[in-house]
């Protein structure tokens, strides 16, 4: 996939989630500040919009992880199972922020996003676990 195709795929995906690509004229000294602010707002919006148990269930179904792979993302480690986590998710209506299961949801969401962006599974898991460490 070419860079242009990858960018277009990303823009289409984000557009489908309500994001819009815009152009701003800003002073060169403010570029890093504006980029940082935009990144924070985007991350906040994505977290608010997707970190719901029903969305995590959809992402887990799409990822179709086996227990061994899922255990790399879950705080129970090798004791974690996809079936048990899915059962747990069906029983709750929202995550408690700053909980271990919230971090698991962040990891699943990030992994799903990276896989959709054609990042290999092992590299995606590595990036995901580094970005969202457990306490």
C-alpha atoms as a PDB file:
ATOM      1  CA  UNK A   1       0.000   0.000   0.000  1.00  0.00           C
ATOM      2  CA  UNK A   2       1.409   3.392  -0.971  1.00  0.00           C
ATOM      3  CA  UNK A   3       1.670   6.309   1.459  1.00  0.00           C
ATOM      4  CA  UNK A   4      -1.106   8.116  -0.379  1.00  0.00           C
ATOM      5  CA  UNK A   5      -3.386   5.070  -0.131  1.00  0.00           C
ATOM      6  CA  UNK A   6      -2.573   4.648   3.567  1.00  0.00           C
ATOM      7  CA  UNK A   7      -3.338   8.305   4.287  1.00  0.00           C
ATOM      8  CA  UNK A   8      -6.601   8.101   2.347  1.00  0.00           C
ATOM      9  CA  UNK A   9      -7.616   4.943   4.217  1.00  0.00           C
ATOM     10  CA  UNK A  10      -6.892   6.649   7.539  1.00  0.00           C
ATOM     11  CA  UNK A  11      -8.807   9.816   6.544  1.00  0.00           C
ATOM     12  CA  UNK A  12     -11.799   7.748   5.405  1.00  0.00           C
ATOM     13  CA  UNK A  13     -11.779   5.782   8.659  1.00  0.00           C
ATOM     14  CA  UNK A  14     -11.583   8.926  10.799  1.00  0.00           C
ATOM     15  CA  UNK A  15     -14.199  10.716   8.697  1.00  0.00           C
ATOM     16  CA  UNK A  16     -16.574   7.834   9.319  1.00  0.00           C
ATOM     17  CA  UNK A  17     -16.112   8.455  13.044  1.00  0.00           C
ATOM     18  CA  UNK A  18     -17.052  12.137  12.761  1.00  0.00           C
ATOM     19  CA  UNK A  19     -13.597  13.667  12.393  1.00  0.00           C
ATOM     20  CA  UNK A  20     -12.870  16.331   9.806  1.00  0.00           C
ATOM     21  CA  UNK A  21      -9.593  17.276   8.162  1.00  0.00           C
ATOM     22  CA  UNK A  22      -9.004  21.038   8.181  1.00  0.00           C
ATOM     23  CA  UNK A  23      -6.214  23.457   7.375  1.00  0.00           C
ATOM     24  CA  UNK A  24      -5.152  26.300   9.655  1.00  0.00           C
ATOM     25  CA  UNK A  25      -2.686  29.108   9.180  1.00  0.00           C
ATOM     26  CA  UNK A  26      -0.631  29.391  12.346  1.00  0.00           C
ATOM     27  CA  UNK A  27       2.653  30.990  13.296  1.00  0.00           C
ATOM     28  CA  UNK A  28       5.712  28.739  13.018  1.00  0.00           C
ATOM     29  CA  UNK A  29       6.440  29.156  16.745  1.00  0.00           C
ATOM     30  CA  UNK A  30       3.010  27.721  17.610  1.00  0.00           C
ATOM     31  CA  UNK A  31       3.079  24.616  15.399  1.00  0.00           C
ATOM     32  CA  UNK A  32       4.147  22.203  18.138  1.00  0.00           C
ATOM     33  CA  UNK A  33       1.671  23.644  20.671  1.00  0.00           C
ATOM     34  CA  UNK A  34      -1.237  23.447  18.235  1.00  0.00           C
ATOM     35  CA  UNK A  35      -0.292  19.915  17.134  1.00  0.00           C
ATOM     36  CA  UNK A  36      -0.084  18.811  20.775  1.00  0.00           C
ATOM     37  CA  UNK A  37      -3.470  20.344  21.575  1.00  0.00           C
ATOM     38  CA  UNK A  38      -5.104  18.754  18.529  1.00  0.00           C
ATOM     39  CA  UNK A  39      -3.620  15.357  19.415  1.00  0.00           C
ATOM     40  CA  UNK A  40      -4.918  15.632  22.993  1.00  0.00           C
ATOM     41  CA  UNK A  41      -8.410  16.591  21.812  1.00  0.00           C
ATOM     42  CA  UNK A  42      -8.463  13.744  19.293  1.00  0.00           C
ATOM     43  CA  UNK A  43      -7.323  11.209  21.892  1.00  0.00           C
ATOM     44  CA  UNK A  44      -9.935  12.480  24.353  1.00  0.00           C
ATOM     45  CA  UNK A  45     -12.701  12.242  21.744  1.00  0.00           C
ATOM     46  CA  UNK A  46     -11.660   8.741  20.737  1.00  0.00           C
ATOM     47  CA  UNK A  47     -11.592   7.619  24.368  1.00  0.00           C
ATOM     48  CA  UNK A  48     -15.016   9.086  25.093  1.00  0.00           C
ATOM     49  CA  UNK A  49     -16.547   7.652  21.966  1.00  0.00           C
ATOM     50  CA  UNK A  50     -15.147   4.150  21.960  1.00  0.00           C
ATOM     51  CA  UNK A  51     -14.365   3.076  25.468  1.00  0.00           C
ATOM     52  CA  UNK A  52     -17.716   1.496  26.082  1.00  0.00           C
ATOM     53  CA  UNK A  53     -18.124  -2.207  26.817  1.00  0.00           C
ATOM     54  CA  UNK A  54     -20.361  -2.792  23.775  1.00  0.00           C
ATOM     55  CA  UNK A  55     -17.717  -1.248  21.493  1.00  0.00           C
ATOM     56  CA  UNK A  56     -14.989  -3.338  23.100  1.00  0.00           C
ATOM     57  CA  UNK A  57     -17.075  -6.438  22.374  1.00  0.00           C
ATOM     58  CA  UNK A  58     -17.327  -5.408  18.704  1.00  0.00           C
ATOM     59  CA  UNK A  59     -13.581  -4.798  18.531  1.00  0.00           C
ATOM     60  CA  UNK A  60     -12.801  -8.118  20.197  1.00  0.00           C
ATOM     61  CA  UNK A  61     -15.062  -9.916  17.738  1.00  0.00           C
ATOM     62  CA  UNK A  62     -13.350  -8.146  14.845  1.00  0.00           C
ATOM     63  CA  UNK A  63      -9.871  -8.984  16.197  1.00  0.00           C
ATOM     64  CA  UNK A  64     -10.791 -12.639  16.843  1.00  0.00           C
ATOM     65  CA  UNK A  65      -7.962 -13.065  19.349  1.00  0.00           C
ATOM     66  CA  UNK A  66      -7.094 -16.423  20.831  1.00  0.00           C
ATOM     67  CA  UNK A  67      -6.547 -16.722  24.606  1.00  0.00           C
ATOM     68  CA  UNK A  68      -2.758 -16.715  24.289  1.00  0.00           C
ATOM     69  CA  UNK A  69      -2.742 -13.424  22.364  1.00  0.00           C
ATOM     70  CA  UNK A  70      -5.452 -11.886  24.558  1.00  0.00           C
ATOM     71  CA  UNK A  71      -3.426 -12.745  27.669  1.00  0.00           C
ATOM     72  CA  UNK A  72      -0.725 -10.342  26.437  1.00  0.00           C
ATOM     73  CA  UNK A  73      -3.255  -7.502  26.712  1.00  0.00           C
ATOM     74  CA  UNK A  74      -5.039  -8.450  29.945  1.00  0.00           C
ATOM     75  CA  UNK A  75      -3.933  -7.787  33.524  1.00  0.00           C
ATOM     76  CA  UNK A  76      -4.577 -11.451  34.478  1.00  0.00           C
ATOM     77  CA  UNK A  77      -1.851 -12.527  32.046  1.00  0.00           C
ATOM     78  CA  UNK A  78      -1.965 -16.223  31.178  1.00  0.00           C
ATOM     79  CA  UNK A  79      -5.081 -16.695  33.346  1.00  0.00           C
ATOM     80  CA  UNK A  80      -7.112 -14.361  31.087  1.00  0.00           C
ATOM     81  CA  UNK A  81      -9.624 -15.790  28.657  1.00  0.00           C
ATOM     82  CA  UNK A  82     -11.512 -14.158  25.820  1.00  0.00           C
ATOM     83  CA  UNK A  83     -14.739 -15.928  26.812  1.00  0.00           C
ATOM     84  CA  UNK A  84     -14.563 -14.762  30.442  1.00  0.00           C
ATOM     85  CA  UNK A  85     -13.775 -11.181  29.459  1.00  0.00           C
ATOM     86  CA  UNK A  86     -16.597 -11.086  26.923  1.00  0.00           C
ATOM     87  CA  UNK A  87     -18.968 -12.401  29.595  1.00  0.00           C
ATOM     88  CA  UNK A  88     -17.778  -9.670  31.978  1.00  0.00           C
ATOM     89  CA  UNK A  89     -18.267  -6.981  29.319  1.00  0.00           C
ATOM     90  CA  UNK A  90     -21.843  -8.102  28.681  1.00  0.00           C
ATOM     91  CA  UNK A  91     -22.645  -7.564  32.370  1.00  0.00           C
ATOM     92  CA  UNK A  92     -21.403  -3.978  32.678  1.00  0.00           C
ATOM     93  CA  UNK A  93     -22.726  -0.787  31.108  1.00  0.00           C
ATOM     94  CA  UNK A  94     -19.619   1.377  31.573  1.00  0.00           C
ATOM     95  CA  UNK A  95     -16.002   1.177  32.625  1.00  0.00           C
ATOM     96  CA  UNK A  96     -14.664   2.652  35.820  1.00  0.00           C
ATOM     97  CA  UNK A  97     -12.048   5.127  34.662  1.00  0.00           C
ATOM     98  CA  UNK A  98      -8.559   4.410  35.938  1.00  0.00           C
ATOM     99  CA  UNK A  99      -9.322   0.711  36.410  1.00  0.00           C
ATOM    100  CA  UNK A 100      -7.343  -2.201  35.040  1.00  0.00           C
ATOM    101  CA  UNK A 101     -10.263  -3.140  32.772  1.00  0.00           C
ATOM    102  CA  UNK A 102     -10.320   0.406  31.411  1.00  0.00           C
ATOM    103  CA  UNK A 103      -6.685  -0.082  30.422  1.00  0.00           C
ATOM    104  CA  UNK A 104      -7.596  -3.421  28.814  1.00  0.00           C
ATOM    105  CA  UNK A 105     -10.283  -1.565  26.822  1.00  0.00           C
ATOM    106  CA  UNK A 106      -7.746   1.080  25.767  1.00  0.00           C
ATOM    107  CA  UNK A 107      -5.402  -1.683  24.659  1.00  0.00           C
ATOM    108  CA  UNK A 108      -8.089  -3.484  22.670  1.00  0.00           C
ATOM    109  CA  UNK A 109      -9.185  -0.239  21.024  1.00  0.00           C
ATOM    110  CA  UNK A 110      -5.587   0.690  20.159  1.00  0.00           C
ATOM    111  CA  UNK A 111      -4.843  -2.807  18.854  1.00  0.00           C
ATOM    112  CA  UNK A 112      -7.947  -2.757  16.674  1.00  0.00           C
ATOM    113  CA  UNK A 113      -6.969   0.638  15.285  1.00  0.00           C
ATOM    114  CA  UNK A 114      -3.401  -0.468  14.520  1.00  0.00           C
ATOM    115  CA  UNK A 115      -4.558  -3.685  12.858  1.00  0.00           C
ATOM    116  CA  UNK A 116      -6.976  -1.673  10.694  1.00  0.00           C
ATOM    117  CA  UNK A 117      -3.984   0.480   9.733  1.00  0.00           C
ATOM    118  CA  UNK A 118      -2.153  -2.669   8.540  1.00  0.00           C
ATOM    119  CA  UNK A 119       0.336  -2.845  11.425  1.00  0.00           C
ATOM    120  CA  UNK A 120       1.351  -6.456  12.076  1.00  0.00           C
ATOM    121  CA  UNK A 121      -0.150  -8.151  15.138  1.00  0.00           C
ATOM    122  CA  UNK A 122       3.088  -8.557  17.123  1.00  0.00           C
ATOM    123  CA  UNK A 123       4.210  -4.987  16.464  1.00  0.00           C
ATOM    124  CA  UNK A 124       0.715  -3.690  17.263  1.00  0.00           C
ATOM    125  CA  UNK A 125       0.679  -5.556  20.595  1.00  0.00           C
ATOM    126  CA  UNK A 126       4.115  -4.174  21.455  1.00  0.00           C
ATOM    127  CA  UNK A 127       3.040  -0.597  20.686  1.00  0.00           C
ATOM    128  CA  UNK A 128      -0.240  -1.057  22.547  1.00  0.00           C
ATOM    129  CA  UNK A 129       1.245  -2.435  25.754  1.00  0.00           C
ATOM    130  CA  UNK A 130       3.927   0.279  25.783  1.00  0.00           C
ATOM    131  CA  UNK A 131       1.353   3.035  25.298  1.00  0.00           C
ATOM    132  CA  UNK A 132      -1.078   1.699  27.947  1.00  0.00           C
ATOM    133  CA  UNK A 133       0.870   0.116  30.810  1.00  0.00           C
ATOM    134  CA  UNK A 134      -0.921  -1.312  33.859  1.00  0.00           C
ATOM    135  CA  UNK A 135      -0.419   0.465  37.184  1.00  0.00           C
END
